[in-house]
N, C-alpha and C. Protein backbone atom coordinates (compact mmCIF):
# COMPACT_ATOMS: atom_id res chain seq x y z
N UNK A 1 0.84 -1.16 0.00
CA UNK A 1 0.00 0.00 0.00
C UNK A 1 0.90 1.24 0.00
N UNK A 2 0.68 2.15 -0.89
CA UNK A 2 1.51 3.34 -1.04
C UNK A 2 1.18 4.37 0.05
N UNK A 3 2.20 5.14 0.41
CA UNK A 3 2.02 6.20 1.40
C UNK A 3 1.87 7.53 0.67
N UNK A 4 1.05 8.40 1.19
CA UNK A 4 0.93 9.75 0.66
C UNK A 4 1.99 10.62 1.32
N UNK A 5 2.13 11.83 0.82
CA UNK A 5 3.15 12.75 1.35
C UNK A 5 2.92 13.11 2.81
N UNK A 6 1.68 13.14 3.25
CA UNK A 6 1.39 13.53 4.62
C UNK A 6 1.38 12.34 5.58
N UNK A 7 2.01 11.24 5.20
CA UNK A 7 2.18 10.03 6.02
C UNK A 7 0.87 9.31 6.35
N UNK A 8 -0.22 9.64 5.68
CA UNK A 8 -1.46 8.89 5.82
C UNK A 8 -1.44 7.77 4.79
N UNK A 9 -1.89 6.57 5.17
CA UNK A 9 -1.91 5.50 4.18
C UNK A 9 -2.88 5.82 3.05
N UNK A 10 -2.47 5.46 1.83
CA UNK A 10 -3.35 5.66 0.68
C UNK A 10 -4.51 4.67 0.76
N UNK A 11 -5.60 5.05 0.12
CA UNK A 11 -6.77 4.16 0.11
C UNK A 11 -6.42 2.88 -0.63
N UNK A 12 -6.90 1.78 -0.11
CA UNK A 12 -6.67 0.47 -0.70
C UNK A 12 -7.35 0.38 -2.06
N UNK A 13 -6.70 -0.27 -3.01
CA UNK A 13 -7.29 -0.46 -4.34
C UNK A 13 -8.65 -1.14 -4.18
N UNK A 14 -9.67 -0.53 -4.71
CA UNK A 14 -11.04 -1.03 -4.53
C UNK A 14 -11.22 -2.45 -5.05
N UNK A 15 -10.41 -2.87 -6.02
CA UNK A 15 -10.55 -4.22 -6.57
C UNK A 15 -10.26 -5.29 -5.51
N UNK A 16 -9.32 -5.02 -4.63
CA UNK A 16 -9.01 -5.97 -3.57
C UNK A 16 -10.15 -6.06 -2.56
N UNK A 17 -10.70 -4.91 -2.22
CA UNK A 17 -11.83 -4.89 -1.30
C UNK A 17 -13.03 -5.61 -1.89
N UNK A 18 -13.29 -5.37 -3.18
CA UNK A 18 -14.42 -6.04 -3.83
C UNK A 18 -14.19 -7.54 -3.96
N UNK A 19 -12.96 -7.95 -4.21
CA UNK A 19 -12.66 -9.39 -4.28
C UNK A 19 -12.87 -10.04 -2.92
N UNK A 20 -12.48 -9.35 -1.86
CA UNK A 20 -12.70 -9.87 -0.51
C UNK A 20 -14.20 -9.97 -0.23
N UNK A 21 -14.94 -8.99 -0.68
CA UNK A 21 -16.40 -9.01 -0.49
C UNK A 21 -17.04 -10.16 -1.27
N UNK A 22 -16.58 -10.41 -2.50
CA UNK A 22 -17.13 -11.52 -3.29
C UNK A 22 -16.85 -12.86 -2.61
N UNK A 23 -15.67 -12.99 -2.03
CA UNK A 23 -15.35 -14.22 -1.31
C UNK A 23 -16.28 -14.38 -0.11
N UNK A 24 -16.49 -13.31 0.63
CA UNK A 24 -17.43 -13.33 1.75
C UNK A 24 -18.82 -13.78 1.29
N UNK A 25 -19.30 -13.19 0.19
CA UNK A 25 -20.62 -13.54 -0.31
C UNK A 25 -20.70 -14.99 -0.78
N UNK A 26 -19.62 -15.52 -1.33
CA UNK A 26 -19.60 -16.93 -1.73
C UNK A 26 -19.72 -17.82 -0.50
N UNK A 27 -19.05 -17.46 0.57
CA UNK A 27 -19.16 -18.23 1.80
C UNK A 27 -20.57 -18.14 2.37
N UNK A 28 -21.18 -16.97 2.28
CA UNK A 28 -22.55 -16.80 2.77
C UNK A 28 -23.51 -17.65 1.94
N UNK A 29 -23.31 -17.71 0.62
CA UNK A 29 -24.15 -18.57 -0.22
C UNK A 29 -24.02 -20.03 0.20
N UNK A 30 -22.82 -20.45 0.53
CA UNK A 30 -22.62 -21.82 0.98
C UNK A 30 -23.32 -22.06 2.32
N UNK A 31 -23.24 -21.08 3.22
CA UNK A 31 -23.93 -21.20 4.50
C UNK A 31 -25.45 -21.29 4.29
N UNK A 32 -25.98 -20.49 3.37
CA UNK A 32 -27.41 -20.54 3.08
C UNK A 32 -27.79 -21.89 2.46
N UNK A 33 -26.92 -22.46 1.64
CA UNK A 33 -27.19 -23.78 1.06
C UNK A 33 -27.24 -24.84 2.15
N UNK A 34 -26.37 -24.74 3.15
CA UNK A 34 -26.42 -25.68 4.27
C UNK A 34 -27.73 -25.53 5.04
N UNK A 35 -28.15 -24.29 5.26
CA UNK A 35 -29.42 -24.06 5.96
C UNK A 35 -30.60 -24.59 5.14
N UNK A 36 -30.58 -24.36 3.84
CA UNK A 36 -31.66 -24.87 2.98
C UNK A 36 -31.66 -26.40 3.00
N UNK A 37 -30.48 -27.00 3.00
CA UNK A 37 -30.40 -28.46 3.09
C UNK A 37 -30.97 -28.98 4.40
N UNK A 38 -30.72 -28.25 5.48
CA UNK A 38 -31.25 -28.66 6.78
C UNK A 38 -32.77 -28.62 6.78
N UNK A 39 -33.34 -27.54 6.26
CA UNK A 39 -34.80 -27.42 6.20
C UNK A 39 -35.38 -28.48 5.27
N UNK A 40 -34.76 -28.65 4.10
CA UNK A 40 -35.25 -29.64 3.14
C UNK A 40 -35.19 -31.05 3.69
N UNK A 41 -34.11 -31.37 4.37
CA UNK A 41 -33.97 -32.70 4.96
C UNK A 41 -35.07 -32.95 6.00
N UNK A 42 -35.30 -31.96 6.82
CA UNK A 42 -36.29 -32.13 7.88
C UNK A 42 -37.72 -32.15 7.34
N UNK A 43 -38.03 -31.29 6.39
CA UNK A 43 -39.41 -31.12 5.95
C UNK A 43 -39.81 -31.97 4.74
N UNK A 44 -38.86 -32.32 3.89
CA UNK A 44 -39.22 -32.94 2.62
C UNK A 44 -38.84 -34.42 2.49
N UNK A 45 -38.17 -34.96 3.49
CA UNK A 45 -37.74 -36.36 3.38
C UNK A 45 -38.14 -37.17 4.62
N UNK A 46 -39.42 -37.31 4.89
CA UNK A 46 -39.83 -38.01 6.11
C UNK A 46 -39.46 -39.49 6.11
N UNK A 47 -39.26 -40.08 4.95
CA UNK A 47 -38.95 -41.52 4.91
C UNK A 47 -37.46 -41.81 4.75
N UNK A 48 -36.63 -40.81 4.79
CA UNK A 48 -35.20 -41.01 4.58
C UNK A 48 -34.55 -41.72 5.76
N UNK A 49 -34.96 -41.38 6.96
CA UNK A 49 -34.34 -41.94 8.16
C UNK A 49 -35.33 -41.79 9.32
N UNK A 50 -35.08 -42.49 10.42
CA UNK A 50 -35.92 -42.29 11.61
C UNK A 50 -35.86 -40.81 12.05
N UNK A 51 -36.92 -40.36 12.68
CA UNK A 51 -37.03 -38.95 13.06
C UNK A 51 -35.82 -38.45 13.85
N UNK A 52 -35.35 -39.17 14.89
CA UNK A 52 -34.20 -38.63 15.64
C UNK A 52 -32.95 -38.46 14.76
N UNK A 53 -32.73 -39.38 13.83
CA UNK A 53 -31.57 -39.29 12.95
C UNK A 53 -31.73 -38.10 12.01
N UNK A 54 -32.91 -37.96 11.43
CA UNK A 54 -33.19 -36.87 10.50
C UNK A 54 -33.07 -35.51 11.20
N UNK A 55 -33.61 -35.41 12.39
CA UNK A 55 -33.53 -34.14 13.13
C UNK A 55 -32.08 -33.82 13.50
N UNK A 56 -31.35 -34.83 13.93
CA UNK A 56 -29.93 -34.62 14.28
C UNK A 56 -29.14 -34.13 13.08
N UNK A 57 -29.33 -34.77 11.94
CA UNK A 57 -28.64 -34.34 10.73
C UNK A 57 -29.05 -32.93 10.33
N UNK A 58 -30.32 -32.62 10.45
CA UNK A 58 -30.79 -31.27 10.11
C UNK A 58 -30.18 -30.22 11.03
N UNK A 59 -30.13 -30.52 12.31
CA UNK A 59 -29.54 -29.58 13.27
C UNK A 59 -28.05 -29.39 12.98
N UNK A 60 -27.36 -30.47 12.66
CA UNK A 60 -25.93 -30.37 12.34
C UNK A 60 -25.71 -29.52 11.08
N UNK A 61 -26.53 -29.72 10.07
CA UNK A 61 -26.41 -28.89 8.87
C UNK A 61 -26.69 -27.42 9.17
N UNK A 62 -27.74 -27.17 9.95
CA UNK A 62 -28.07 -25.79 10.30
C UNK A 62 -26.96 -25.15 11.14
N UNK A 63 -26.42 -25.89 12.07
CA UNK A 63 -25.32 -25.38 12.89
C UNK A 63 -24.09 -25.11 12.02
N UNK A 64 -23.84 -25.99 11.06
CA UNK A 64 -22.74 -25.76 10.13
C UNK A 64 -22.94 -24.51 9.32
N UNK A 65 -24.17 -24.27 8.87
CA UNK A 65 -24.47 -23.05 8.13
C UNK A 65 -24.27 -21.80 8.99
N UNK A 66 -24.72 -21.86 10.23
CA UNK A 66 -24.54 -20.72 11.13
C UNK A 66 -23.06 -20.49 11.42
N UNK A 67 -22.34 -21.56 11.66
CA UNK A 67 -20.90 -21.45 11.92
C UNK A 67 -20.14 -20.90 10.72
N UNK A 68 -20.52 -21.34 9.53
CA UNK A 68 -19.85 -20.85 8.33
C UNK A 68 -20.17 -19.38 8.10
N UNK A 69 -21.40 -18.97 8.38
CA UNK A 69 -21.74 -17.55 8.28
C UNK A 69 -20.89 -16.70 9.21
N UNK A 70 -20.73 -17.15 10.43
CA UNK A 70 -19.88 -16.43 11.38
C UNK A 70 -18.44 -16.41 10.90
N UNK A 71 -17.93 -17.56 10.45
CA UNK A 71 -16.54 -17.65 9.98
C UNK A 71 -16.32 -16.76 8.75
N UNK A 72 -17.32 -16.65 7.88
CA UNK A 72 -17.20 -15.81 6.69
C UNK A 72 -16.98 -14.35 7.10
N UNK A 73 -17.79 -13.88 8.04
CA UNK A 73 -17.63 -12.49 8.48
C UNK A 73 -16.30 -12.30 9.17
N UNK A 74 -15.94 -13.22 10.05
CA UNK A 74 -14.68 -13.12 10.78
C UNK A 74 -13.49 -13.08 9.82
N UNK A 75 -13.52 -13.94 8.80
CA UNK A 75 -12.43 -13.96 7.82
C UNK A 75 -12.42 -12.68 7.00
N UNK A 76 -13.59 -12.20 6.61
CA UNK A 76 -13.66 -10.96 5.83
C UNK A 76 -13.00 -9.81 6.59
N UNK A 77 -13.30 -9.69 7.87
CA UNK A 77 -12.72 -8.63 8.70
C UNK A 77 -11.21 -8.79 8.79
N UNK A 78 -10.74 -10.03 9.04
CA UNK A 78 -9.30 -10.26 9.17
C UNK A 78 -8.55 -9.94 7.88
N UNK A 79 -9.11 -10.34 6.75
CA UNK A 79 -8.46 -10.07 5.46
C UNK A 79 -8.47 -8.57 5.18
N UNK A 80 -9.58 -7.91 5.44
CA UNK A 80 -9.67 -6.46 5.21
C UNK A 80 -8.63 -5.73 6.04
N UNK A 81 -8.50 -6.09 7.30
CA UNK A 81 -7.51 -5.44 8.17
C UNK A 81 -6.09 -5.70 7.68
N UNK A 82 -5.81 -6.94 7.28
CA UNK A 82 -4.47 -7.28 6.80
C UNK A 82 -4.14 -6.51 5.52
N UNK A 83 -5.09 -6.41 4.61
CA UNK A 83 -4.84 -5.67 3.37
C UNK A 83 -4.59 -4.19 3.66
N UNK A 84 -5.37 -3.61 4.55
CA UNK A 84 -5.20 -2.19 4.86
C UNK A 84 -3.90 -1.92 5.60
N UNK A 85 -3.44 -2.90 6.37
CA UNK A 85 -2.18 -2.74 7.09
C UNK A 85 -0.97 -3.09 6.21
N UNK A 86 -1.25 -3.67 5.05
CA UNK A 86 -0.15 -4.05 4.16
C UNK A 86 0.57 -5.31 4.59
N UNK A 87 -0.08 -6.11 5.43
CA UNK A 87 0.53 -7.33 5.93
C UNK A 87 0.12 -8.55 5.13
N UNK A 88 0.61 -9.71 5.54
CA UNK A 88 0.23 -10.94 4.85
C UNK A 88 -1.23 -11.30 5.15
N UNK A 89 -1.87 -11.96 4.20
CA UNK A 89 -3.25 -12.39 4.41
C UNK A 89 -3.29 -13.53 5.41
N UNK A 90 -4.28 -13.55 6.28
CA UNK A 90 -4.35 -14.60 7.30
C UNK A 90 -4.71 -15.95 6.68
N UNK A 91 -4.11 -16.99 7.23
CA UNK A 91 -4.43 -18.35 6.79
C UNK A 91 -5.72 -18.80 7.47
N UNK A 92 -6.39 -19.76 6.85
CA UNK A 92 -7.61 -20.31 7.44
C UNK A 92 -7.69 -21.80 7.16
N UNK A 93 -8.32 -22.51 8.06
CA UNK A 93 -8.54 -23.94 7.87
C UNK A 93 -10.00 -24.25 7.58
N UNK A 94 -10.78 -23.21 7.40
CA UNK A 94 -12.21 -23.40 7.18
C UNK A 94 -12.47 -24.24 5.92
N UNK A 95 -11.67 -24.03 4.88
CA UNK A 95 -11.88 -24.79 3.65
C UNK A 95 -11.73 -26.29 3.90
N UNK A 96 -10.71 -26.67 4.67
CA UNK A 96 -10.51 -28.08 4.99
C UNK A 96 -11.66 -28.61 5.83
N UNK A 97 -12.06 -27.86 6.84
CA UNK A 97 -13.16 -28.28 7.71
C UNK A 97 -14.46 -28.43 6.91
N UNK A 98 -14.75 -27.45 6.05
CA UNK A 98 -15.97 -27.50 5.25
C UNK A 98 -15.94 -28.69 4.29
N UNK A 99 -14.80 -28.94 3.67
CA UNK A 99 -14.67 -30.06 2.74
C UNK A 99 -14.90 -31.39 3.44
N UNK A 100 -14.30 -31.56 4.61
CA UNK A 100 -14.47 -32.81 5.36
C UNK A 100 -15.92 -32.97 5.80
N UNK A 101 -16.53 -31.90 6.28
CA UNK A 101 -17.93 -31.98 6.72
C UNK A 101 -18.87 -32.33 5.57
N UNK A 102 -18.66 -31.72 4.42
CA UNK A 102 -19.52 -32.02 3.26
C UNK A 102 -19.31 -33.46 2.81
N UNK A 103 -18.07 -33.94 2.82
CA UNK A 103 -17.79 -35.33 2.43
C UNK A 103 -18.44 -36.31 3.40
N UNK A 104 -18.37 -36.03 4.68
CA UNK A 104 -18.99 -36.91 5.68
C UNK A 104 -20.52 -36.88 5.52
N UNK A 105 -21.08 -35.69 5.33
CA UNK A 105 -22.52 -35.58 5.14
C UNK A 105 -22.96 -36.35 3.89
N UNK A 106 -22.20 -36.24 2.82
CA UNK A 106 -22.54 -36.97 1.59
C UNK A 106 -22.49 -38.47 1.82
N UNK A 107 -21.50 -38.95 2.56
CA UNK A 107 -21.40 -40.37 2.85
C UNK A 107 -22.59 -40.84 3.70
N UNK A 108 -22.94 -40.07 4.73
CA UNK A 108 -24.06 -40.43 5.59
C UNK A 108 -25.37 -40.44 4.80
N UNK A 109 -25.60 -39.43 3.99
CA UNK A 109 -26.82 -39.38 3.20
C UNK A 109 -26.87 -40.51 2.17
N UNK A 110 -25.73 -40.85 1.61
CA UNK A 110 -25.69 -41.96 0.65
C UNK A 110 -26.08 -43.27 1.33
N UNK A 111 -25.55 -43.50 2.52
CA UNK A 111 -25.89 -44.71 3.27
C UNK A 111 -27.38 -44.72 3.61
N UNK A 112 -27.91 -43.58 4.03
CA UNK A 112 -29.34 -43.50 4.37
C UNK A 112 -30.21 -43.73 3.13
N UNK A 113 -29.84 -43.14 2.02
CA UNK A 113 -30.65 -43.28 0.80
C UNK A 113 -30.63 -44.72 0.33
N UNK A 114 -29.46 -45.33 0.32
CA UNK A 114 -29.36 -46.71 -0.19
C UNK A 114 -29.87 -47.73 0.82
N UNK A 115 -29.56 -47.51 2.10
CA UNK A 115 -29.87 -48.53 3.09
C UNK A 115 -31.20 -48.40 3.80
N UNK A 116 -31.65 -47.22 4.11
CA UNK A 116 -32.82 -47.06 4.96
C UNK A 116 -34.11 -46.91 4.18
N UNK A 117 -34.09 -46.13 3.13
CA UNK A 117 -35.34 -45.76 2.47
C UNK A 117 -35.88 -46.80 1.51
N UNK A 118 -35.30 -47.96 1.47
CA UNK A 118 -35.80 -49.02 0.56
C UNK A 118 -37.03 -49.68 1.11
């Protein structure tokens, strides 16, 4: 980030801020998809699994969506601060956690679809 003559930091290139915002919005879309999956699982698939299993899976998906929404905002703030300070961008493990959770959910749903609903 360039310095002005009066030692005030120059405004950050808007493209970086907008790219950070787009990333935040992509994470929010994923969180909303998890919430929609939770509602759909609970309301639209009564024969997929026993009620306690279905409710547990729905709650886990909804909690994942809420957690991802919080993590998206937290990451957006951290990246924005790092860019304005001219420092390195913060690392995150959310992508790994999200990937593992989605893979586990897919495996569980596959087992339920093939094994339970017949």
